[in-house]
């Protein structure tokens, strides 16, 4: 029984489903492809964009769900709440280097 619990825990830790919100908030995001909220997204004190749970809000209106973030590829994948379209944004630290 203990082996099963350990295997399940390891699987859950290794799943790409966990979203590092702190990383997403620590940088700006430049539009790359697909669904577009804006050319540039930054989660800062201006209050234009915010993250609550896995949802991105634009001026307090839910706009997209965060599907995944890939730190190795500097990619943020989102999905439109309205249309279901997928979009990609690139970490601006990587985009401008």
PDB file of N, CA and C in Angstrom:
ATOM      1  N   UNK A   1       0.815  -1.207   0.000  1.00  0.00           N
ATOM      2  CA  UNK A   1       0.000   0.000   0.000  1.00  0.00           C
ATOM      3  C   UNK A   1       0.853   1.264   0.000  1.00  0.00           C
ATOM      4  N   UNK A   2       1.923   1.255   0.794  1.00  0.00           N
ATOM      5  CA  UNK A   2       2.789   2.436   0.867  1.00  0.00           C
ATOM      6  C   UNK A   2       3.456   2.720  -0.468  1.00  0.00           C
ATOM      7  N   UNK A   3       3.776   1.667  -1.220  1.00  0.00           N
ATOM      8  CA  UNK A   3       4.403   1.850  -2.527  1.00  0.00           C
ATOM      9  C   UNK A   3       3.457   2.569  -3.480  1.00  0.00           C
ATOM     10  N   UNK A   4       2.180   2.243  -3.413  1.00  0.00           N
ATOM     11  CA  UNK A   4       1.191   2.878  -4.280  1.00  0.00           C
ATOM     12  C   UNK A   4       1.084   4.366  -3.956  1.00  0.00           C
ATOM     13  N   UNK A   5       1.040   4.688  -2.685  1.00  0.00           N
ATOM     14  CA  UNK A   5       0.947   6.091  -2.267  1.00  0.00           C
ATOM     15  C   UNK A   5       2.169   6.866  -2.737  1.00  0.00           C
ATOM     16  N   UNK A   6       3.341   6.290  -2.584  1.00  0.00           N
ATOM     17  CA  UNK A   6       4.577   6.949  -3.011  1.00  0.00           C
ATOM     18  C   UNK A   6       4.578   7.149  -4.525  1.00  0.00           C
ATOM     19  N   UNK A   7       4.155   6.145  -5.275  1.00  0.00           N
ATOM     20  CA  UNK A   7       4.115   6.256  -6.736  1.00  0.00           C
ATOM     21  C   UNK A   7       3.142   7.344  -7.165  1.00  0.00           C
ATOM     22  N   UNK A   8       1.972   7.384  -6.537  1.00  0.00           N
ATOM     23  CA  UNK A   8       0.987   8.420  -6.868  1.00  0.00           C
ATOM     24  C   UNK A   8       1.531   9.806  -6.546  1.00  0.00           C
ATOM     25  N   UNK A   9       2.187   9.946  -5.411  1.00  0.00           N
ATOM     26  CA  UNK A   9       2.754  11.241  -5.032  1.00  0.00           C
ATOM     27  C   UNK A   9       3.838  11.673  -6.017  1.00  0.00           C
ATOM     28  N   UNK A  10       4.705  10.757  -6.410  1.00  0.00           N
ATOM     29  CA  UNK A  10       5.743  11.090  -7.384  1.00  0.00           C
ATOM     30  C   UNK A  10       5.140  11.482  -8.725  1.00  0.00           C
ATOM     31  N   UNK A  11       4.105  10.788  -9.127  1.00  0.00           N
ATOM     32  CA  UNK A  11       3.428  11.111 -10.375  1.00  0.00           C
ATOM     33  C   UNK A  11       2.836  12.515 -10.320  1.00  0.00           C
ATOM     34  N   UNK A  12       2.195  12.841  -9.213  1.00  0.00           N
ATOM     35  CA  UNK A  12       1.567  14.161  -9.071  1.00  0.00           C
ATOM     36  C   UNK A  12       2.612  15.269  -9.067  1.00  0.00           C
ATOM     37  N   UNK A  13       3.745  15.034  -8.427  1.00  0.00           N
ATOM     38  CA  UNK A  13       4.805  16.042  -8.383  1.00  0.00           C
ATOM     39  C   UNK A  13       5.391  16.253  -9.768  1.00  0.00           C
ATOM     40  N   UNK A  14       5.528  15.192 -10.535  1.00  0.00           N
ATOM     41  CA  UNK A  14       6.132  15.281 -11.857  1.00  0.00           C
ATOM     42  C   UNK A  14       5.192  15.737 -12.942  1.00  0.00           C
ATOM     43  N   UNK A  15       3.914  15.847 -12.658  1.00  0.00           N
ATOM     44  CA  UNK A  15       2.940  16.253 -13.671  1.00  0.00           C
ATOM     45  C   UNK A  15       3.144  17.707 -14.068  1.00  0.00           C
ATOM     46  N   UNK A  16       2.994  18.008 -15.356  1.00  0.00           N
ATOM     47  CA  UNK A  16       3.140  19.389 -15.795  1.00  0.00           C
ATOM     48  C   UNK A  16       1.950  20.254 -15.405  1.00  0.00           C
ATOM     49  N   UNK A  17       0.957  19.699 -14.728  1.00  0.00           N
ATOM     50  CA  UNK A  17      -0.248  20.422 -14.391  1.00  0.00           C
ATOM     51  C   UNK A  17      -0.061  21.520 -13.365  1.00  0.00           C
ATOM     52  N   UNK A  18       1.008  21.454 -12.570  1.00  0.00           N
ATOM     53  CA  UNK A  18       1.193  22.483 -11.561  1.00  0.00           C
ATOM     54  C   UNK A  18       1.711  23.749 -12.238  1.00  0.00           C
ATOM     55  N   UNK A  19       1.110  24.853 -11.899  1.00  0.00           N
ATOM     56  CA  UNK A  19       1.427  26.133 -12.526  1.00  0.00           C
ATOM     57  C   UNK A  19       2.189  26.990 -11.523  1.00  0.00           C
ATOM     58  N   UNK A  20       3.369  27.451 -11.911  1.00  0.00           N
ATOM     59  CA  UNK A  20       4.190  28.299 -11.056  1.00  0.00           C
ATOM     60  C   UNK A  20       3.754  29.758 -11.243  1.00  0.00           C
ATOM     61  N   UNK A  21       2.767  30.162 -10.468  1.00  0.00           N
ATOM     62  CA  UNK A  21       2.211  31.513 -10.579  1.00  0.00           C
ATOM     63  C   UNK A  21       3.261  32.568 -10.234  1.00  0.00           C
ATOM     64  N   UNK A  22       4.135  32.270  -9.278  1.00  0.00           N
ATOM     65  CA  UNK A  22       5.179  33.238  -8.920  1.00  0.00           C
ATOM     66  C   UNK A  22       6.094  33.527 -10.103  1.00  0.00           C
ATOM     67  N   UNK A  23       6.446  32.496 -10.857  1.00  0.00           N
ATOM     68  CA  UNK A  23       7.271  32.694 -12.060  1.00  0.00           C
ATOM     69  C   UNK A  23       6.509  33.545 -13.084  1.00  0.00           C
ATOM     70  N   UNK A  24       5.248  33.220 -13.298  1.00  0.00           N
ATOM     71  CA  UNK A  24       4.449  33.961 -14.278  1.00  0.00           C
ATOM     72  C   UNK A  24       4.373  35.440 -13.901  1.00  0.00           C
ATOM     73  N   UNK A  25       4.197  35.711 -12.624  1.00  0.00           N
ATOM     74  CA  UNK A  25       4.092  37.095 -12.160  1.00  0.00           C
ATOM     75  C   UNK A  25       5.431  37.820 -12.137  1.00  0.00           C
ATOM     76  N   UNK A  26       6.538  37.077 -12.151  1.00  0.00           N
ATOM     77  CA  UNK A  26       7.863  37.688 -12.004  1.00  0.00           C
ATOM     78  C   UNK A  26       8.402  38.314 -13.275  1.00  0.00           C
ATOM     79  N   UNK A  27       7.735  38.115 -14.384  1.00  0.00           N
ATOM     80  CA  UNK A  27       8.245  38.607 -15.653  1.00  0.00           C
ATOM     81  C   UNK A  27       7.101  39.138 -16.510  1.00  0.00           C
ATOM     82  N   UNK A  28       7.434  39.703 -17.629  1.00  0.00           N
ATOM     83  CA  UNK A  28       6.437  40.123 -18.597  1.00  0.00           C
ATOM     84  C   UNK A  28       6.342  39.076 -19.688  1.00  0.00           C
ATOM     85  N   UNK A  29       5.259  39.105 -20.437  1.00  0.00           N
ATOM     86  CA  UNK A  29       5.005  38.093 -21.456  1.00  0.00           C
ATOM     87  C   UNK A  29       4.665  38.755 -22.785  1.00  0.00           C
ATOM     88  N   UNK A  30       5.415  38.410 -23.828  1.00  0.00           N
ATOM     89  CA  UNK A  30       5.245  38.949 -25.167  1.00  0.00           C
ATOM     90  C   UNK A  30       4.455  37.960 -26.009  1.00  0.00           C
ATOM     91  N   UNK A  31       3.468  38.460 -26.734  1.00  0.00           N
ATOM     92  CA  UNK A  31       2.638  37.606 -27.587  1.00  0.00           C
ATOM     93  C   UNK A  31       3.498  36.836 -28.578  1.00  0.00           C
ATOM     94  N   UNK A  32       3.177  35.547 -28.760  1.00  0.00           N
ATOM     95  CA  UNK A  32       3.905  34.705 -29.700  1.00  0.00           C
ATOM     96  C   UNK A  32       2.994  34.164 -30.798  1.00  0.00           C
ATOM     97  N   UNK A  33       1.884  33.501 -30.405  1.00  0.00           N
ATOM     98  CA  UNK A  33       1.006  32.918 -31.430  1.00  0.00           C
ATOM     99  C   UNK A  33      -0.354  32.569 -30.844  1.00  0.00           C
ATOM    100  N   UNK A  34      -1.330  32.377 -31.740  1.00  0.00           N
ATOM    101  CA  UNK A  34      -2.663  31.940 -31.330  1.00  0.00           C
ATOM    102  C   UNK A  34      -3.489  33.034 -30.686  1.00  0.00           C
ATOM    103  N   UNK A  35      -4.254  32.644 -29.655  1.00  0.00           N
ATOM    104  CA  UNK A  35      -5.134  33.585 -28.955  1.00  0.00           C
ATOM    105  C   UNK A  35      -4.326  34.715 -28.336  1.00  0.00           C
ATOM    106  N   UNK A  36      -4.808  35.935 -28.522  1.00  0.00           N
ATOM    107  CA  UNK A  36      -4.101  37.118 -28.038  1.00  0.00           C
ATOM    108  C   UNK A  36      -4.990  37.934 -27.099  1.00  0.00           C
ATOM    109  N   UNK A  37      -4.513  38.115 -25.887  1.00  0.00           N
ATOM    110  CA  UNK A  37      -5.163  39.053 -24.957  1.00  0.00           C
ATOM    111  C   UNK A  37      -4.651  40.456 -25.266  1.00  0.00           C
ATOM    112  N   UNK A  38      -3.340  40.528 -25.511  1.00  0.00           N
ATOM    113  CA  UNK A  38      -2.649  41.785 -25.763  1.00  0.00           C
ATOM    114  C   UNK A  38      -1.289  41.438 -26.364  1.00  0.00           C
ATOM    115  N   UNK A  39      -0.590  42.428 -26.875  1.00  0.00           N
ATOM    116  CA  UNK A  39       0.766  42.182 -27.371  1.00  0.00           C
ATOM    117  C   UNK A  39       1.728  41.897 -26.220  1.00  0.00           C
ATOM    118  N   UNK A  40       1.418  42.448 -25.052  1.00  0.00           N
ATOM    119  CA  UNK A  40       2.306  42.309 -23.895  1.00  0.00           C
ATOM    120  C   UNK A  40       1.464  42.219 -22.623  1.00  0.00           C
ATOM    121  N   UNK A  41       1.801  41.266 -21.771  1.00  0.00           N
ATOM    122  CA  UNK A  41       1.097  41.093 -20.500  1.00  0.00           C
ATOM    123  C   UNK A  41       2.111  41.187 -19.370  1.00  0.00           C
ATOM    124  N   UNK A  42       1.768  41.975 -18.360  1.00  0.00           N
ATOM    125  CA  UNK A  42       2.596  42.064 -17.151  1.00  0.00           C
ATOM    126  C   UNK A  42       1.659  42.112 -15.959  1.00  0.00           C
ATOM    127  N   UNK A  43       1.941  41.267 -14.998  1.00  0.00           N
ATOM    128  CA  UNK A  43       1.135  41.197 -13.785  1.00  0.00           C
ATOM    129  C   UNK A  43       1.817  42.050 -12.722  1.00  0.00           C
ATOM    130  N   UNK A  44       1.531  43.342 -12.737  1.00  0.00           N
ATOM    131  CA  UNK A  44       2.177  44.275 -11.819  1.00  0.00           C
ATOM    132  C   UNK A  44       1.138  45.122 -11.103  1.00  0.00           C
ATOM    133  N   UNK A  45       1.582  46.184 -10.507  1.00  0.00           N
ATOM    134  CA  UNK A  45       0.700  47.015  -9.681  1.00  0.00           C
ATOM    135  C   UNK A  45      -0.273  47.874 -10.491  1.00  0.00           C
ATOM    136  N   UNK A  46      -0.170  47.888 -11.821  1.00  0.00           N
ATOM    137  CA  UNK A  46      -1.101  48.696 -12.608  1.00  0.00           C
ATOM    138  C   UNK A  46      -2.524  48.154 -12.509  1.00  0.00           C
ATOM    139  N   UNK A  47      -2.657  46.873 -12.248  1.00  0.00           N
ATOM    140  CA  UNK A  47      -3.973  46.277 -12.088  1.00  0.00           C
ATOM    141  C   UNK A  47      -4.681  45.936 -13.384  1.00  0.00           C
ATOM    142  N   UNK A  48      -4.017  46.093 -14.513  1.00  0.00           N
ATOM    143  CA  UNK A  48      -4.659  45.754 -15.787  1.00  0.00           C
ATOM    144  C   UNK A  48      -4.837  44.245 -15.887  1.00  0.00           C
ATOM    145  N   UNK A  49      -3.775  43.496 -15.556  1.00  0.00           N
ATOM    146  CA  UNK A  49      -3.829  42.037 -15.609  1.00  0.00           C
ATOM    147  C   UNK A  49      -3.609  41.466 -14.217  1.00  0.00           C
ATOM    148  N   UNK A  50      -4.362  40.412 -13.905  1.00  0.00           N
ATOM    149  CA  UNK A  50      -4.226  39.744 -12.614  1.00  0.00           C
ATOM    150  C   UNK A  50      -4.443  38.244 -12.806  1.00  0.00           C
ATOM    151  N   UNK A  51      -3.864  37.480 -11.907  1.00  0.00           N
ATOM    152  CA  UNK A  51      -4.076  36.033 -11.892  1.00  0.00           C
ATOM    153  C   UNK A  51      -4.779  35.675 -10.605  1.00  0.00           C
ATOM    154  N   UNK A  52      -5.865  34.936 -10.749  1.00  0.00           N
ATOM    155  CA  UNK A  52      -6.587  34.395  -9.591  1.00  0.00           C
ATOM    156  C   UNK A  52      -6.788  32.916  -9.864  1.00  0.00           C
ATOM    157  N   UNK A  53      -6.109  32.076  -9.084  1.00  0.00           N
ATOM    158  CA  UNK A  53      -6.135  30.643  -9.352  1.00  0.00           C
ATOM    159  C   UNK A  53      -5.400  30.378 -10.644  1.00  0.00           C
ATOM    160  N   UNK A  54      -6.078  29.786 -11.614  1.00  0.00           N
ATOM    161  CA  UNK A  54      -5.467  29.533 -12.922  1.00  0.00           C
ATOM    162  C   UNK A  54      -6.051  30.443 -14.008  1.00  0.00           C
ATOM    163  N   UNK A  55      -6.721  31.501 -13.587  1.00  0.00           N
ATOM    164  CA  UNK A  55      -7.412  32.382 -14.532  1.00  0.00           C
ATOM    165  C   UNK A  55      -6.718  33.737 -14.631  1.00  0.00           C
ATOM    166  N   UNK A  56      -6.560  34.211 -15.867  1.00  0.00           N
ATOM    167  CA  UNK A  56      -6.016  35.546 -16.113  1.00  0.00           C
ATOM    168  C   UNK A  56      -7.187  36.499 -16.294  1.00  0.00           C
ATOM    169  N   UNK A  57      -7.152  37.590 -15.554  1.00  0.00           N
ATOM    170  CA  UNK A  57      -8.173  38.632 -15.644  1.00  0.00           C
ATOM    171  C   UNK A  57      -7.568  39.857 -16.307  1.00  0.00           C
ATOM    172  N   UNK A  58      -8.337  40.455 -17.201  1.00  0.00           N
ATOM    173  CA  UNK A  58      -7.948  41.728 -17.808  1.00  0.00           C
ATOM    174  C   UNK A  58      -8.970  42.749 -17.352  1.00  0.00           C
ATOM    175  N   UNK A  59      -8.500  43.721 -16.586  1.00  0.00           N
ATOM    176  CA  UNK A  59      -9.362  44.745 -15.996  1.00  0.00           C
ATOM    177  C   UNK A  59     -10.559  44.105 -15.288  1.00  0.00           C
ATOM    178  N   UNK A  60     -10.261  43.145 -14.425  1.00  0.00           N
ATOM    179  CA  UNK A  60     -11.231  42.437 -13.582  1.00  0.00           C
ATOM    180  C   UNK A  60     -12.227  41.565 -14.337  1.00  0.00           C
ATOM    181  N   UNK A  61     -11.995  41.314 -15.615  1.00  0.00           N
ATOM    182  CA  UNK A  61     -12.869  40.444 -16.410  1.00  0.00           C
ATOM    183  C   UNK A  61     -12.080  39.194 -16.783  1.00  0.00           C
ATOM    184  N   UNK A  62     -12.597  37.986 -16.467  1.00  0.00           N
ATOM    185  CA  UNK A  62     -11.870  36.759 -16.826  1.00  0.00           C
ATOM    186  C   UNK A  62     -11.666  36.671 -18.333  1.00  0.00           C
ATOM    187  N   UNK A  63     -10.406  36.482 -18.743  1.00  0.00           N
ATOM    188  CA  UNK A  63     -10.081  36.460 -20.170  1.00  0.00           C
ATOM    189  C   UNK A  63      -9.560  35.106 -20.633  1.00  0.00           C
ATOM    190  N   UNK A  64      -8.773  34.441 -19.794  1.00  0.00           N
ATOM    191  CA  UNK A  64      -8.146  33.191 -20.230  1.00  0.00           C
ATOM    192  C   UNK A  64      -7.785  32.333 -19.029  1.00  0.00           C
ATOM    193  N   UNK A  65      -7.616  31.054 -19.316  1.00  0.00           N
ATOM    194  CA  UNK A  65      -7.165  30.091 -18.316  1.00  0.00           C
ATOM    195  C   UNK A  65      -5.731  29.717 -18.663  1.00  0.00           C
ATOM    196  N   UNK A  66      -4.884  29.654 -17.661  1.00  0.00           N
ATOM    197  CA  UNK A  66      -3.502  29.226 -17.874  1.00  0.00           C
ATOM    198  C   UNK A  66      -3.507  27.710 -18.020  1.00  0.00           C
ATOM    199  N   UNK A  67      -3.054  27.231 -19.163  1.00  0.00           N
ATOM    200  CA  UNK A  67      -3.002  25.789 -19.409  1.00  0.00           C
ATOM    201  C   UNK A  67      -1.700  25.201 -18.893  1.00  0.00           C
ATOM    202  N   UNK A  68      -0.596  25.865 -19.197  1.00  0.00           N
ATOM    203  CA  UNK A  68       0.694  25.409 -18.694  1.00  0.00           C
ATOM    204  C   UNK A  68       1.744  26.490 -18.889  1.00  0.00           C
ATOM    205  N   UNK A  69       2.818  26.363 -18.133  1.00  0.00           N
ATOM    206  CA  UNK A  69       3.967  27.241 -18.305  1.00  0.00           C
ATOM    207  C   UNK A  69       5.190  26.332 -18.398  1.00  0.00           C
ATOM    208  N   UNK A  70       6.011  26.581 -19.408  1.00  0.00           N
ATOM    209  CA  UNK A  70       7.207  25.787 -19.628  1.00  0.00           C
ATOM    210  C   UNK A  70       8.408  26.705 -19.424  1.00  0.00           C
ATOM    211  N   UNK A  71       9.067  26.564 -18.279  1.00  0.00           N
ATOM    212  CA  UNK A  71      10.198  27.434 -17.964  1.00  0.00           C
ATOM    213  C   UNK A  71      11.385  27.194 -18.885  1.00  0.00           C
ATOM    214  N   UNK A  72      11.577  25.968 -19.333  1.00  0.00           N
ATOM    215  CA  UNK A  72      12.703  25.660 -20.229  1.00  0.00           C
ATOM    216  C   UNK A  72      12.546  26.352 -21.583  1.00  0.00           C
ATOM    217  N   UNK A  73      11.304  26.409 -22.053  1.00  0.00           N
ATOM    218  CA  UNK A  73      11.042  27.021 -23.357  1.00  0.00           C
ATOM    219  C   UNK A  73      10.544  28.454 -23.226  1.00  0.00           C
ATOM    220  N   UNK A  74      10.440  28.948 -21.975  1.00  0.00           N
ATOM    221  CA  UNK A  74       9.983  30.306 -21.703  1.00  0.00           C
ATOM    222  C   UNK A  74       8.604  30.560 -22.303  1.00  0.00           C
ATOM    223  N   UNK A  75       7.723  29.555 -22.226  1.00  0.00           N
ATOM    224  CA  UNK A  75       6.423  29.594 -22.891  1.00  0.00           C
ATOM    225  C   UNK A  75       5.288  29.571 -21.875  1.00  0.00           C
ATOM    226  N   UNK A  76       4.331  30.460 -22.067  1.00  0.00           N
ATOM    227  CA  UNK A  76       3.098  30.485 -21.289  1.00  0.00           C
ATOM    228  C   UNK A  76       1.967  30.153 -22.244  1.00  0.00           C
ATOM    229  N   UNK A  77       1.265  29.056 -21.968  1.00  0.00           N
ATOM    230  CA  UNK A  77       0.144  28.647 -22.816  1.00  0.00           C
ATOM    231  C   UNK A  77      -1.155  28.981 -22.105  1.00  0.00           C
ATOM    232  N   UNK A  78      -2.021  29.702 -22.809  1.00  0.00           N
ATOM    233  CA  UNK A  78      -3.308  30.095 -22.251  1.00  0.00           C
ATOM    234  C   UNK A  78      -4.427  29.633 -23.170  1.00  0.00           C
ATOM    235  N   UNK A  79      -5.643  29.637 -22.626  1.00  0.00           N
ATOM    236  CA  UNK A  79      -6.814  29.277 -23.428  1.00  0.00           C
ATOM    237  C   UNK A  79      -7.911  30.295 -23.180  1.00  0.00           C
ATOM    238  N   UNK A  80      -8.464  30.818 -24.255  1.00  0.00           N
ATOM    239  CA  UNK A  80      -9.545  31.787 -24.171  1.00  0.00           C
ATOM    240  C   UNK A  80     -10.746  31.172 -23.473  1.00  0.00           C
ATOM    241  N   UNK A  81     -11.318  31.896 -22.530  1.00  0.00           N
ATOM    242  CA  UNK A  81     -12.536  31.442 -21.860  1.00  0.00           C
ATOM    243  C   UNK A  81     -13.703  31.480 -22.832  1.00  0.00           C
ATOM    244  N   UNK A  82     -13.729  32.483 -23.672  1.00  0.00           N
ATOM    245  CA  UNK A  82     -14.849  32.679 -24.592  1.00  0.00           C
ATOM    246  C   UNK A  82     -14.842  31.693 -25.761  1.00  0.00           C
ATOM    247  N   UNK A  83     -13.688  31.546 -26.430  1.00  0.00           N
ATOM    248  CA  UNK A  83     -13.650  30.740 -27.662  1.00  0.00           C
ATOM    249  C   UNK A  83     -12.962  29.385 -27.516  1.00  0.00           C
ATOM    250  N   UNK A  84     -12.162  29.224 -26.462  1.00  0.00           N
ATOM    251  CA  UNK A  84     -11.404  27.986 -26.300  1.00  0.00           C
ATOM    252  C   UNK A  84     -10.101  27.971 -27.079  1.00  0.00           C
ATOM    253  N   UNK A  85      -9.826  29.047 -27.824  1.00  0.00           N
ATOM    254  CA  UNK A  85      -8.604  29.120 -28.624  1.00  0.00           C
ATOM    255  C   UNK A  85      -7.376  29.152 -27.707  1.00  0.00           C
ATOM    256  N   UNK A  86      -6.322  28.470 -28.141  1.00  0.00           N
ATOM    257  CA  UNK A  86      -5.062  28.411 -27.401  1.00  0.00           C
ATOM    258  C   UNK A  86      -4.144  29.524 -27.885  1.00  0.00           C
ATOM    259  N   UNK A  87      -3.422  30.130 -26.961  1.00  0.00           N
ATOM    260  CA  UNK A  87      -2.448  31.154 -27.296  1.00  0.00           C
ATOM    261  C   UNK A  87      -1.150  30.923 -26.552  1.00  0.00           C
ATOM    262  N   UNK A  88      -0.074  31.468 -27.109  1.00  0.00           N
ATOM    263  CA  UNK A  88       1.250  31.321 -26.496  1.00  0.00           C
ATOM    264  C   UNK A  88       1.902  32.683 -26.335  1.00  0.00           C
ATOM    265  N   UNK A  89       2.534  32.855 -25.188  1.00  0.00           N
ATOM    266  CA  UNK A  89       3.297  34.047 -24.871  1.00  0.00           C
ATOM    267  C   UNK A  89       4.691  33.630 -24.461  1.00  0.00           C
ATOM    268  N   UNK A  90       5.685  34.470 -24.776  1.00  0.00           N
ATOM    269  CA  UNK A  90       7.069  34.185 -24.460  1.00  0.00           C
ATOM    270  C   UNK A  90       7.543  35.112 -23.338  1.00  0.00           C
ATOM    271  N   UNK A  91       8.281  34.538 -22.401  1.00  0.00           N
ATOM    272  CA  UNK A  91       8.894  35.296 -21.318  1.00  0.00           C
ATOM    273  C   UNK A  91       9.717  36.422 -21.941  1.00  0.00           C
ATOM    274  N   UNK A  92       9.439  37.674 -21.571  1.00  0.00           N
ATOM    275  CA  UNK A  92      10.111  38.795 -22.239  1.00  0.00           C
ATOM    276  C   UNK A  92      11.612  38.820 -21.986  1.00  0.00           C
ATOM    277  N   UNK A  93      12.073  38.212 -20.912  1.00  0.00           N
ATOM    278  CA  UNK A  93      13.523  38.150 -20.686  1.00  0.00           C
ATOM    279  C   UNK A  93      14.187  37.352 -21.798  1.00  0.00           C
ATOM    280  N   UNK A  94      13.524  36.332 -22.285  1.00  0.00           N
ATOM    281  CA  UNK A  94      14.056  35.527 -23.377  1.00  0.00           C
ATOM    282  C   UNK A  94      13.763  36.188 -24.727  1.00  0.00           C
ATOM    283  N   UNK A  95      12.605  36.783 -24.876  1.00  0.00           N
ATOM    284  CA  UNK A  95      12.201  37.359 -26.158  1.00  0.00           C
ATOM    285  C   UNK A  95      13.109  38.509 -26.584  1.00  0.00           C
ATOM    286  N   UNK A  96      13.612  39.271 -25.623  1.00  0.00           N
ATOM    287  CA  UNK A  96      14.407  40.449 -25.958  1.00  0.00           C
ATOM    288  C   UNK A  96      15.903  40.219 -25.877  1.00  0.00           C
ATOM    289  N   UNK A  97      16.332  38.955 -25.739  1.00  0.00           N
ATOM    290  CA  UNK A  97      17.773  38.663 -25.720  1.00  0.00           C
ATOM    291  C   UNK A  97      18.256  38.257 -27.062  1.00  0.00           C
TER     292      UNK A  97
END
